[in-house]
Amino acid sequence: MLDSREPSDPDELRRFLDGCKGEREPVRYLHGYPDLVSWAFCRTGGHSRFLLSEFPLGSQSKVDVVALVSYSGAWEAHYIELEPVDDDVFTKKGTQSERLGIAIRQVNDWRHYIKIRPTEVRQDLARWVRQKDLLGHFPTEPLSNQSGNHLDDMNTVVHERFHIVIGRTSRLSSENLRRFGQFGDGLSQPDLVSYDRFVQVVTERQASLRRPRAGG
């Protein structure tokens, strides 16, 4: 297994986000830290993890990131849209920003495509995991969890979650922070995630690494 690739200093990540403009900068940055992205969305254990970049859904659409994790009896697939770090998310009147509205429509298109072409999506996921996994965990054949549930088998349970990463919660007013936290559930509506989640993950991971182990 490759060494974990995640920032060792949350302040490094904060400084990057503070000066970040648009969406391509964070995409490039996060591609260099695939473990950070995986931990941000697959917070618990599981049997195996995989991370895919620009995963195609048909010929017209690409998902910025897909984070996969397997459990006993099931898989999870997190479909993630990365939007600008410096977006305000909500207007002063409390309505959605233009970028957020576009992202929601994009994610709803993904959900629809997955619903009407589930077999094709499962097969493409399995193929990409074998060939283009950013974590480099080298899956065994056939691609399955420890319970023998194959990713590309339509009888296998795959829990699909949808997320939009946008803006900074640290910059939101208290009212817009409330709107942010109450928006979506990851299922019928995409879950909203701030780029500050990545800072939180690095902070928690570094604290865990510094914590003395029992019997140490």
Protein backbone atom coordinates (compact mmCIF):
# COMPACT_ATOMS: atom_id res chain seq x y z
CA MET A 1 0.00 0.00 0.00
CA LEU A 2 1.20 3.50 -0.80
CA ASP A 3 2.03 5.95 1.96
CA SER A 4 -0.87 8.16 3.00
CA ARG A 5 -1.02 11.33 0.93
CA GLU A 6 -2.61 14.07 2.97
CA PRO A 7 -1.37 17.42 4.32
CA SER A 8 0.46 17.19 7.63
CA ASP A 9 -0.42 20.74 8.68
CA PRO A 10 -3.99 22.11 8.69
CA ASP A 11 -2.57 25.64 8.52
CA GLU A 12 -1.01 24.79 5.15
CA LEU A 13 -4.44 23.86 3.86
CA ARG A 14 -6.06 26.96 5.36
CA ARG A 15 -3.49 29.21 3.69
CA PHE A 16 -4.12 27.53 0.36
CA LEU A 17 -7.89 27.89 0.68
CA ASP A 18 -7.61 31.52 1.81
CA GLY A 19 -5.92 32.45 -1.47
CA CYS A 20 -7.79 30.03 -3.72
CA LYS A 21 -9.88 31.30 -6.64
CA GLY A 22 -12.24 29.34 -8.87
CA GLU A 23 -12.62 25.57 -9.00
CA ARG A 24 -9.60 24.29 -10.95
CA GLU A 25 -7.09 25.21 -8.24
CA PRO A 26 -8.74 23.06 -5.53
CA VAL A 27 -9.26 20.22 -8.01
CA ARG A 28 -5.52 20.10 -8.77
CA TYR A 29 -4.62 20.46 -5.09
CA LEU A 30 -6.95 17.70 -3.91
CA HIS A 31 -5.79 15.33 -6.64
CA GLY A 32 -2.38 15.53 -4.97
CA TYR A 33 -3.91 14.43 -1.65
CA PRO A 34 -6.26 11.54 -2.54
CA ASP A 35 -6.26 10.12 0.98
CA LEU A 36 -7.57 13.43 2.32
CA VAL A 37 -10.52 13.32 -0.09
CA SER A 38 -11.26 9.71 0.78
CA TRP A 39 -11.27 10.36 4.53
CA ALA A 40 -13.46 13.44 4.09
CA PHE A 41 -16.31 11.37 2.65
CA CYS A 42 -15.67 7.82 3.87
CA ARG A 43 -15.21 8.66 7.53
CA THR A 44 -15.42 5.15 9.00
CA GLY A 45 -13.48 1.95 8.30
CA GLY A 46 -14.65 -0.49 5.68
CA HIS A 47 -12.87 -3.21 3.74
CA SER A 48 -11.36 -1.19 0.91
CA ARG A 49 -11.31 2.34 -0.50
CA PHE A 50 -10.93 3.71 -4.01
CA LEU A 51 -10.90 7.21 -5.46
CA LEU A 52 -11.66 8.10 -9.08
CA SER A 53 -11.15 11.43 -10.86
CA GLU A 54 -13.35 12.78 -13.67
CA PHE A 55 -15.42 9.62 -13.85
CA PRO A 56 -17.63 9.68 -16.98
CA LEU A 57 -21.38 9.24 -16.91
CA GLY A 58 -22.12 8.71 -20.59
CA SER A 59 -20.50 10.96 -23.18
CA GLN A 60 -21.77 14.30 -21.88
CA SER A 61 -20.94 14.39 -18.18
CA LYS A 62 -18.00 13.76 -15.83
CA VAL A 63 -18.02 13.50 -12.05
CA ASP A 64 -15.15 15.45 -10.47
CA VAL A 65 -14.52 12.75 -7.87
CA VAL A 66 -16.05 9.39 -6.95
CA ALA A 67 -15.08 7.98 -3.53
CA LEU A 68 -15.84 4.28 -3.09
CA VAL A 69 -15.74 2.19 0.06
CA SER A 70 -16.89 -1.39 0.70
CA TYR A 71 -18.47 -2.84 3.84
CA SER A 72 -19.84 -6.22 4.85
CA GLY A 73 -22.79 -6.74 2.54
CA ALA A 74 -22.66 -3.39 0.74
CA TRP A 75 -20.69 -0.67 -1.02
CA GLU A 76 -20.91 3.13 -0.83
CA ALA A 77 -20.34 5.40 -3.83
CA HIS A 78 -19.93 9.11 -3.13
CA TYR A 79 -20.36 11.28 -6.24
CA ILE A 80 -18.70 14.64 -5.61
CA GLU A 81 -18.95 17.93 -7.50
CA LEU A 82 -16.17 20.45 -6.73
CA GLU A 83 -17.20 24.10 -7.03
CA PRO A 84 -15.22 27.29 -6.31
CA VAL A 85 -13.72 27.84 -2.87
CA ASP A 86 -14.55 31.55 -3.01
CA ASP A 87 -18.25 31.17 -3.88
CA ASP A 88 -20.63 32.85 -1.42
CA VAL A 89 -23.05 29.86 -1.64
CA PHE A 90 -26.04 32.04 -0.76
CA THR A 91 -26.94 35.61 -1.67
CA LYS A 92 -27.64 38.30 0.92
CA LYS A 93 -31.34 37.49 0.47
CA GLY A 94 -30.68 33.85 1.33
CA THR A 95 -31.21 32.44 -2.16
CA GLN A 96 -28.82 30.03 -3.84
CA SER A 97 -25.81 31.44 -5.65
CA GLU A 98 -25.74 30.95 -9.41
CA ARG A 99 -22.91 28.40 -9.12
CA LEU A 100 -24.77 26.42 -6.48
CA GLY A 101 -27.88 26.30 -8.66
CA ILE A 102 -25.86 25.02 -11.64
CA ALA A 103 -24.16 22.41 -9.45
CA ILE A 104 -27.48 21.13 -8.12
CA ARG A 105 -28.79 20.64 -11.66
CA GLN A 106 -25.58 18.86 -12.60
CA VAL A 107 -25.83 16.45 -9.68
CA ASN A 108 -29.50 15.79 -10.41
CA ASP A 109 -28.49 14.87 -13.97
CA TRP A 110 -25.97 12.38 -12.52
CA ARG A 111 -28.64 10.83 -10.32
CA HIS A 112 -30.99 10.44 -13.28
CA TYR A 113 -28.31 8.86 -15.47
CA ILE A 114 -27.34 6.36 -12.75
CA LYS A 115 -31.01 5.45 -12.30
CA ILE A 116 -31.64 4.71 -15.98
CA ARG A 117 -28.27 3.04 -16.71
CA PRO A 118 -27.31 1.25 -13.49
CA THR A 119 -25.60 -1.74 -15.10
CA GLU A 120 -23.40 0.42 -17.31
CA VAL A 121 -22.40 2.63 -14.36
CA ARG A 122 -21.53 -0.37 -12.16
CA GLN A 123 -19.39 -1.89 -14.91
CA ASP A 124 -17.61 1.41 -15.56
CA LEU A 125 -16.93 1.90 -11.84
CA ALA A 126 -15.38 -1.56 -11.58
CA ARG A 127 -13.25 -0.97 -14.68
CA TRP A 128 -12.02 2.43 -13.47
CA VAL A 129 -11.20 1.07 -10.01
CA ARG A 130 -8.95 -1.54 -11.63
CA GLN A 131 -7.25 0.94 -13.94
CA LYS A 132 -7.42 4.46 -12.50
CA ASP A 133 -7.72 4.35 -8.72
CA LEU A 134 -5.82 7.34 -7.27
CA LEU A 135 -5.23 5.61 -3.93
CA GLY A 136 -3.30 2.77 -5.55
CA HIS A 137 -4.71 -0.03 -3.40
CA PHE A 138 -4.55 -2.60 -6.21
CA PRO A 139 -7.84 -4.50 -5.88
CA THR A 140 -7.97 -8.27 -6.13
CA GLU A 141 -9.98 -10.12 -8.72
CA PRO A 142 -12.90 -10.39 -8.75
CA LEU A 143 -13.55 -6.90 -7.37
CA SER A 144 -15.61 -7.54 -4.24
CA ASN A 145 -15.78 -6.84 -0.54
CA GLN A 146 -14.95 -9.48 2.07
CA SER A 147 -18.52 -10.77 1.91
CA GLY A 148 -18.10 -11.56 -1.77
CA ASN A 149 -20.36 -8.77 -3.07
CA HIS A 150 -19.02 -7.82 -6.50
CA LEU A 151 -19.13 -4.13 -7.35
CA ASP A 152 -20.45 -4.76 -10.87
CA ASP A 153 -23.12 -7.27 -9.77
CA MET A 154 -26.62 -5.76 -9.89
CA ASN A 155 -27.57 -7.87 -6.86
CA THR A 156 -24.95 -6.07 -4.78
CA VAL A 157 -26.22 -3.20 -2.64
CA VAL A 158 -24.53 0.10 -3.52
CA HIS A 159 -25.55 3.10 -1.41
CA GLU A 160 -25.19 6.20 -3.60
CA ARG A 161 -24.55 9.59 -2.02
CA PHE A 162 -24.23 12.94 -3.80
CA HIS A 163 -22.22 15.92 -2.56
CA ILE A 164 -21.40 19.46 -3.67
CA VAL A 165 -18.20 20.96 -2.23
CA ILE A 166 -18.48 24.73 -2.34
CA GLY A 167 -17.40 27.82 -0.40
CA ARG A 168 -16.19 28.18 3.18
CA THR A 169 -18.49 27.80 6.17
CA SER A 170 -16.00 29.94 8.08
CA ARG A 171 -17.08 32.89 5.91
CA LEU A 172 -20.85 32.43 6.15
CA SER A 173 -23.19 34.53 8.26
CA SER A 174 -24.96 32.68 11.06
CA GLU A 175 -28.19 32.59 9.04
CA ASN A 176 -26.51 31.27 5.89
CA LEU A 177 -24.56 28.78 7.99
CA ARG A 178 -27.91 27.45 9.22
CA ARG A 179 -29.15 27.20 5.61
CA PHE A 180 -25.95 25.43 4.63
CA GLY A 181 -26.27 22.84 7.39
CA GLN A 182 -29.91 22.10 6.63
CA PHE A 183 -29.51 21.76 2.87
CA GLY A 184 -29.91 18.32 1.34
CA ASP A 185 -29.39 14.82 2.65
CA GLY A 186 -27.05 13.34 0.05
CA LEU A 187 -29.91 11.27 -1.34
CA SER A 188 -32.92 13.11 -2.81
CA GLN A 189 -30.95 16.38 -2.64
CA PRO A 190 -27.16 16.69 -2.69
CA ASP A 191 -25.36 17.23 0.58
CA LEU A 192 -23.53 20.56 0.82
CA VAL A 193 -19.92 20.36 1.99
CA SER A 194 -17.62 23.28 2.70
CA TYR A 195 -13.92 23.18 1.88
CA ASP A 196 -13.43 23.67 5.60
CA ARG A 197 -14.34 20.00 6.02
CA PHE A 198 -10.91 19.12 4.61
CA VAL A 199 -9.25 21.34 7.24
CA GLN A 200 -11.26 19.56 9.93
CA VAL A 201 -10.21 16.15 8.60
CA VAL A 202 -6.50 17.09 8.60
CA THR A 203 -6.80 18.50 12.13
CA GLU A 204 -8.50 15.34 13.42
CA ARG A 205 -6.11 12.99 11.62
CA GLN A 206 -3.01 14.78 12.91
CA ALA A 207 -4.39 14.80 16.46
CA SER A 208 -5.04 11.07 16.17
CA LEU A 209 -1.48 10.42 14.98
CA ARG A 210 -0.04 12.38 17.93
CA ARG A 211 -2.23 10.61 20.49
CA PRO A 212 -0.25 8.04 22.53
CA ARG A 213 -1.26 4.47 21.74
CA ALA A 214 -2.33 2.11 24.50
CA GLY A 215 0.64 0.14 25.76
CA GLY A 216 3.05 2.49 23.97
